[in-house]
Amino acid sequence: MLQNNLLQNVAQNRLCTVKIPQLSSYAPGTNPQNQALGVKVVTGNEVVLLARAAGYDSVFIDLEHSIFSVTDVSRLCSASLLAGITPFVRVPRQCGPGFVQRILDGGAMGVIFPHVSTVEEAQQMVFCTKFPPRGNRSLTAALPQFDFQRIAATQVIQQLDADGSTVFILVETRKCLDNLDAIAAVPGVDVLLLGANDLSLELGILGEWDHHLFDSALGAVAAAAQRAGKIWGIAGLYTRSDICKRAVTELGARYLLGHYDLGLLAMGMNKNMEQLRDMGP
């Protein structure tokens, strides 16, 4: 059976958090609360192993803001599957169903779609990730999700549609906020993911996390997800653990993007430089 740590953790009412690898990653800390943790990837299979060692449950592989090739993504996905952590991939905006097909065939267990604003767009995202009759995804013989072994076609379709093609809709436009309930109600949409940076930019309050418009957006996403019985989470809010904690404990968020590897690397380097400066005259 396929292992999708996000769906498994949510089924047990546990938080799934994520780290974003972008170069190479170091992920401090442990996971004493038995939460589902993740990491965002932008290069290097080493990041996946570091994420596993740190206790993360998933990786967020970014194709929207990186120079990854499809080959790079497939290698990262394969490494993640072998490590037992779930690979999700953010694709570029309007990349087309053929590109999404290649990402899924390369080992992704879910696709994160940016800048979705309408019901029709959300339906298209679902359609290109699922097999007929729900969608138009094409079936191939050997897939990394099954260790390239021959599996009965009916089992492949059933397992991938259920657990191997999670659909994330990034909430990062005003229009998406206006259409939240309808988008959340689309069959096959699994996760509403609030994109903090782009949404605050669109609202004219970039980085103003205490602004009432941002707080209202958090509440709106949480409420829409609850009404539709969907998962919701936050991406890009790395510096406000207080807001993230409230989202989890009070608003029911179950997916958090913990950080990205370049940010963690920068923090580690800055701390190391402070230590080195303390050693000399």
Protein backbone atom coordinates (compact mmCIF):
# COMPACT_ATOMS: atom_id res chain seq x y z
CA MET A 1 0.00 0.00 0.00
CA LEU A 2 1.11 3.53 -0.69
CA GLN A 3 2.23 5.59 2.30
CA ASN A 4 0.96 9.17 2.32
CA ASN A 5 2.09 10.66 5.62
CA LEU A 6 -0.12 13.73 5.27
CA LEU A 7 -3.32 11.72 4.90
CA GLN A 8 -2.28 9.23 7.58
CA ASN A 9 -1.46 11.93 10.12
CA VAL A 10 -4.63 13.89 9.43
CA ALA A 11 -6.68 10.71 9.83
CA GLN A 12 -5.18 10.47 13.33
CA ASN A 13 -5.81 14.21 13.95
CA ARG A 14 -2.08 14.95 14.01
CA LEU A 15 -0.31 17.93 12.51
CA CYS A 16 1.64 17.50 9.29
CA THR A 17 4.39 20.08 8.94
CA VAL A 18 6.79 20.45 6.06
CA LYS A 19 10.27 21.70 5.31
CA ILE A 20 11.28 23.05 1.91
CA PRO A 21 14.64 21.92 0.57
CA GLN A 22 16.06 24.42 -1.90
CA LEU A 23 19.80 23.88 -1.86
CA SER A 24 20.90 21.59 0.86
CA SER A 25 19.18 21.49 4.17
CA TYR A 26 19.89 21.19 7.81
CA ALA A 27 16.91 20.66 10.03
CA PRO A 28 17.49 21.14 13.76
CA GLY A 29 15.26 19.76 16.44
CA THR A 30 13.25 16.67 17.09
CA ASN A 31 9.57 15.78 16.99
CA PRO A 32 8.54 14.95 20.57
CA GLN A 33 4.85 15.66 19.90
CA ASN A 34 4.72 12.95 17.20
CA GLN A 35 3.64 15.52 14.63
CA ALA A 36 4.01 15.07 10.88
CA LEU A 37 6.87 17.28 9.80
CA GLY A 38 8.13 18.22 6.36
CA VAL A 39 10.85 19.99 4.43
CA LYS A 40 10.88 22.00 1.20
CA VAL A 41 13.44 20.82 -1.37
CA VAL A 42 15.21 22.72 -4.10
CA THR A 43 18.29 20.57 -4.72
CA GLY A 44 20.22 17.58 -3.47
CA ASN A 45 19.12 14.14 -2.34
CA GLU A 46 21.09 14.80 0.85
CA VAL A 47 18.29 17.10 1.96
CA VAL A 48 15.86 14.21 1.92
CA LEU A 49 18.08 12.09 4.19
CA LEU A 50 18.60 15.03 6.53
CA ALA A 51 14.85 15.57 6.62
CA ARG A 52 14.28 11.93 7.50
CA ALA A 53 16.92 12.01 10.22
CA ALA A 54 15.34 15.15 11.69
CA GLY A 55 11.93 13.52 11.83
CA TYR A 56 10.08 15.23 8.99
CA ASP A 57 7.22 13.34 7.36
CA SER A 58 7.13 15.07 3.99
CA VAL A 59 9.06 17.26 1.59
CA PHE A 60 7.76 20.17 -0.48
CA ILE A 61 9.74 20.15 -3.73
CA ASP A 62 9.52 23.57 -5.35
CA LEU A 63 9.37 23.90 -9.12
CA GLU A 64 7.77 27.35 -9.10
CA HIS A 65 10.73 29.17 -7.58
CA SER A 66 13.69 26.98 -8.50
CA ILE A 67 15.62 25.78 -11.54
CA PHE A 68 14.87 22.10 -10.97
CA SER A 69 14.44 19.89 -13.99
CA VAL A 70 11.90 17.07 -14.14
CA THR A 71 14.84 14.69 -13.73
CA ASP A 72 15.94 16.49 -10.55
CA VAL A 73 12.42 16.25 -9.16
CA SER A 74 12.14 12.55 -9.96
CA ARG A 75 15.41 11.83 -8.15
CA LEU A 76 14.26 13.76 -5.10
CA CYS A 77 10.91 11.98 -5.14
CA SER A 78 12.55 8.57 -5.45
CA ALA A 79 14.90 9.36 -2.57
CA SER A 80 11.93 10.50 -0.49
CA LEU A 81 9.95 7.35 -1.20
CA LEU A 82 12.91 5.19 -0.23
CA ALA A 83 13.37 7.23 2.95
CA GLY A 84 9.71 6.80 3.89
CA ILE A 85 8.77 10.48 3.69
CA THR A 86 6.12 11.77 1.33
CA PRO A 87 7.14 13.97 -1.64
CA PHE A 88 4.80 16.76 -2.72
CA VAL A 89 5.73 18.98 -5.68
CA ARG A 90 4.71 22.57 -6.38
CA VAL A 91 4.45 23.05 -10.13
CA PRO A 92 4.76 26.34 -12.03
CA ARG A 93 1.59 28.26 -12.76
CA GLN A 94 -0.24 27.16 -15.91
CA CYS A 95 2.31 24.43 -16.61
CA GLY A 96 -0.24 22.21 -18.35
CA PRO A 97 -1.55 18.68 -17.70
CA GLY A 98 1.30 17.01 -19.60
CA PHE A 99 3.84 18.51 -17.21
CA VAL A 100 1.78 17.45 -14.19
CA GLN A 101 1.64 13.92 -15.62
CA ARG A 102 5.44 13.77 -15.77
CA ILE A 103 5.77 15.00 -12.18
CA LEU A 104 3.38 12.33 -10.92
CA ASP A 105 5.01 9.61 -13.02
CA GLY A 106 8.34 10.75 -11.57
CA GLY A 107 7.27 9.81 -8.05
CA ALA A 108 5.33 12.76 -6.62
CA MET A 109 2.59 11.76 -4.19
CA GLY A 110 0.76 15.04 -4.61
CA VAL A 111 0.81 18.28 -6.57
CA ILE A 112 0.68 21.82 -5.17
CA PHE A 113 -1.04 24.18 -7.63
CA PRO A 114 -0.27 27.91 -7.26
CA HIS A 115 -2.49 30.89 -8.09
CA VAL A 116 -5.74 28.95 -8.43
CA SER A 117 -8.63 31.41 -8.26
CA THR A 118 -11.77 29.77 -9.65
CA VAL A 119 -13.79 26.59 -9.38
CA GLU A 120 -13.06 25.81 -13.02
CA GLU A 121 -9.31 26.03 -12.41
CA ALA A 122 -9.58 23.78 -9.36
CA GLN A 123 -11.57 21.25 -11.37
CA GLN A 124 -8.87 21.27 -14.06
CA MET A 125 -6.20 20.59 -11.44
CA VAL A 126 -8.09 17.57 -10.16
CA PHE A 127 -8.83 16.35 -13.68
CA CYS A 128 -5.17 16.18 -14.68
CA THR A 129 -4.12 14.28 -11.53
CA LYS A 130 -6.74 11.50 -11.51
CA PHE A 131 -7.34 8.54 -13.79
CA PRO A 132 -10.57 8.08 -15.80
CA PRO A 133 -13.41 8.44 -15.13
CA ARG A 134 -12.49 11.17 -12.60
CA GLY A 135 -9.78 12.65 -14.80
CA ASN A 136 -7.57 12.05 -17.81
CA ARG A 137 -4.28 10.94 -16.31
CA SER A 138 -2.56 8.35 -18.50
CA LEU A 139 -1.47 4.99 -17.07
CA THR A 140 2.10 3.74 -17.43
CA ALA A 141 3.55 0.34 -16.61
CA ALA A 142 6.24 1.03 -13.99
CA LEU A 143 6.26 3.77 -11.36
CA PRO A 144 8.66 4.69 -8.54
CA GLN A 145 5.76 4.75 -6.08
CA PHE A 146 5.64 0.95 -6.52
CA ASP A 147 9.41 0.39 -6.79
CA PHE A 148 8.98 -0.01 -10.56
CA GLN A 149 7.36 -3.39 -10.00
CA ARG A 150 4.49 -4.64 -12.11
CA ILE A 151 1.29 -4.14 -10.18
CA ALA A 152 -2.23 -4.88 -11.39
CA ALA A 153 -3.51 -1.83 -13.23
CA THR A 154 -6.67 -1.69 -11.14
CA GLN A 155 -4.59 -1.55 -7.95
CA VAL A 156 -2.32 1.17 -9.35
CA ILE A 157 -5.29 3.32 -10.31
CA GLN A 158 -7.08 2.75 -7.01
CA GLN A 159 -4.05 3.46 -4.81
CA LEU A 160 -2.77 6.46 -6.75
CA ASP A 161 -6.18 8.09 -6.98
CA ALA A 162 -6.73 7.59 -3.25
CA ASP A 163 -3.30 8.23 -1.73
CA GLY A 164 -0.78 9.06 -4.46
CA SER A 165 -2.19 12.20 -6.06
CA THR A 166 -3.02 14.64 -3.26
CA VAL A 167 -4.29 17.93 -4.70
CA PHE A 168 -3.21 21.13 -2.92
CA ILE A 169 -4.81 24.43 -3.89
CA LEU A 170 -2.67 27.42 -2.91
CA VAL A 171 -4.86 30.24 -1.63
CA GLU A 172 -2.95 33.36 -2.64
CA THR A 173 -5.32 35.66 -4.55
CA ARG A 174 -8.32 37.84 -3.66
CA LYS A 175 -10.41 35.96 -6.18
CA CYS A 176 -9.56 32.65 -4.55
CA LEU A 177 -10.70 34.03 -1.20
CA ASP A 178 -13.98 35.09 -2.81
CA ASN A 179 -14.49 31.57 -4.20
CA LEU A 180 -13.19 29.58 -1.23
CA ASP A 181 -16.31 27.61 -0.40
CA ALA A 182 -16.92 26.58 -3.99
CA ILE A 183 -13.27 25.63 -4.53
CA ALA A 184 -13.13 23.65 -1.29
CA ALA A 185 -16.26 21.75 -2.33
CA VAL A 186 -14.69 20.50 -5.58
CA PRO A 187 -14.40 16.69 -5.38
CA GLY A 188 -10.74 15.69 -5.44
CA VAL A 189 -9.41 18.88 -3.86
CA ASP A 190 -7.69 17.65 -0.71
CA VAL A 191 -5.87 20.62 0.84
CA LEU A 192 -6.40 24.38 0.98
CA LEU A 193 -2.92 25.82 1.53
CA LEU A 194 -2.73 29.50 2.45
CA GLY A 195 0.29 31.04 0.71
CA ALA A 196 1.18 33.74 3.21
CA ASN A 197 3.62 35.79 1.14
CA ASP A 198 1.75 36.01 -2.16
CA LEU A 199 -1.61 36.44 -0.46
CA SER A 200 -0.39 39.29 1.74
CA LEU A 201 1.22 40.85 -1.35
CA GLU A 202 -2.07 40.62 -3.26
CA LEU A 203 -3.95 42.13 -0.32
CA GLY A 204 -1.51 45.06 -0.17
CA ILE A 205 -0.22 44.11 3.29
CA LEU A 206 3.00 42.27 2.45
CA GLY A 207 4.47 40.76 5.61
CA GLU A 208 1.94 42.47 7.91
CA TRP A 209 0.97 39.28 9.68
CA ASP A 210 -0.98 41.07 12.43
CA HIS A 211 -3.15 42.97 9.94
CA HIS A 212 -6.87 42.27 10.23
CA LEU A 213 -7.06 41.33 6.53
CA PHE A 214 -4.53 38.55 7.00
CA ASP A 215 -6.22 37.33 10.15
CA SER A 216 -9.54 37.34 8.31
CA ALA A 217 -8.01 35.30 5.49
CA LEU A 218 -6.76 32.70 7.98
CA GLY A 219 -10.22 32.38 9.44
CA ALA A 220 -11.85 32.18 6.02
CA VAL A 221 -9.59 29.38 4.81
CA ALA A 222 -10.06 27.45 8.05
CA ALA A 223 -13.84 27.82 7.92
CA ALA A 224 -14.10 26.82 4.25
CA ALA A 225 -11.96 23.74 4.85
CA GLN A 226 -14.04 22.73 7.87
CA ARG A 227 -17.33 23.13 5.99
CA ALA A 228 -16.05 21.01 3.10
CA GLY A 229 -14.29 18.43 5.27
CA LYS A 230 -10.91 19.24 3.74
CA ILE A 231 -7.40 19.68 5.15
CA TRP A 232 -5.96 23.17 5.39
CA GLY A 233 -2.53 24.56 6.14
CA ILE A 234 -0.09 27.45 5.90
CA ALA A 235 2.98 28.00 3.73
CA GLY A 236 5.54 30.78 3.93
CA LEU A 237 4.95 31.96 7.50
CA TYR A 238 8.30 30.96 8.95
CA THR A 239 8.82 33.74 11.50
CA ARG A 240 5.52 33.74 13.39
CA SER A 241 5.23 30.54 15.35
CA ASP A 242 2.55 32.20 17.48
CA ILE A 243 0.22 32.57 14.50
CA CYS A 244 1.00 29.06 13.29
CA LYS A 245 0.31 27.63 16.74
CA ARG A 246 -3.05 29.39 16.89
CA ALA A 247 -3.87 28.11 13.41
CA VAL A 248 -3.21 24.56 14.59
CA THR A 249 -4.74 24.64 18.07
CA GLU A 250 -7.70 26.95 17.44
CA LEU A 251 -8.39 26.85 13.70
CA GLY A 252 -7.64 23.21 12.91
CA ALA A 253 -4.69 23.56 10.51
CA ARG A 254 -3.06 20.19 9.90
CA TYR A 255 -0.31 21.04 7.41
CA LEU A 256 2.52 23.48 8.12
CA LEU A 257 5.48 24.31 5.95
CA GLY A 258 8.19 24.43 8.60
CA HIS A 259 10.95 26.24 6.68
CA TYR A 260 13.12 26.04 3.58
CA ASP A 261 16.66 24.79 3.44
CA LEU A 262 18.32 28.04 2.40
CA GLY A 263 16.70 29.82 5.32
CA LEU A 264 17.88 27.18 7.76
CA LEU A 265 21.34 27.21 6.22
CA ALA A 266 21.48 31.00 6.54
CA MET A 267 20.44 30.83 10.20
CA GLY A 268 23.06 28.19 10.89
CA MET A 269 25.78 30.18 9.12
CA ASN A 270 24.86 33.39 10.93
CA LYS A 271 24.95 31.63 14.28
CA ASN A 272 28.28 30.04 13.42
CA MET A 273 29.70 33.42 12.42
CA GLU A 274 28.61 34.90 15.74
CA GLN A 275 30.44 32.09 17.54
CA LEU A 276 33.57 32.61 15.46
CA ARG A 277 33.57 36.35 16.09
CA ASP A 278 33.38 35.71 19.83
CA MET A 279 36.62 33.72 19.61
CA GLY A 280 38.85 36.47 18.30
CA PRO A 281 39.98 39.94 19.31
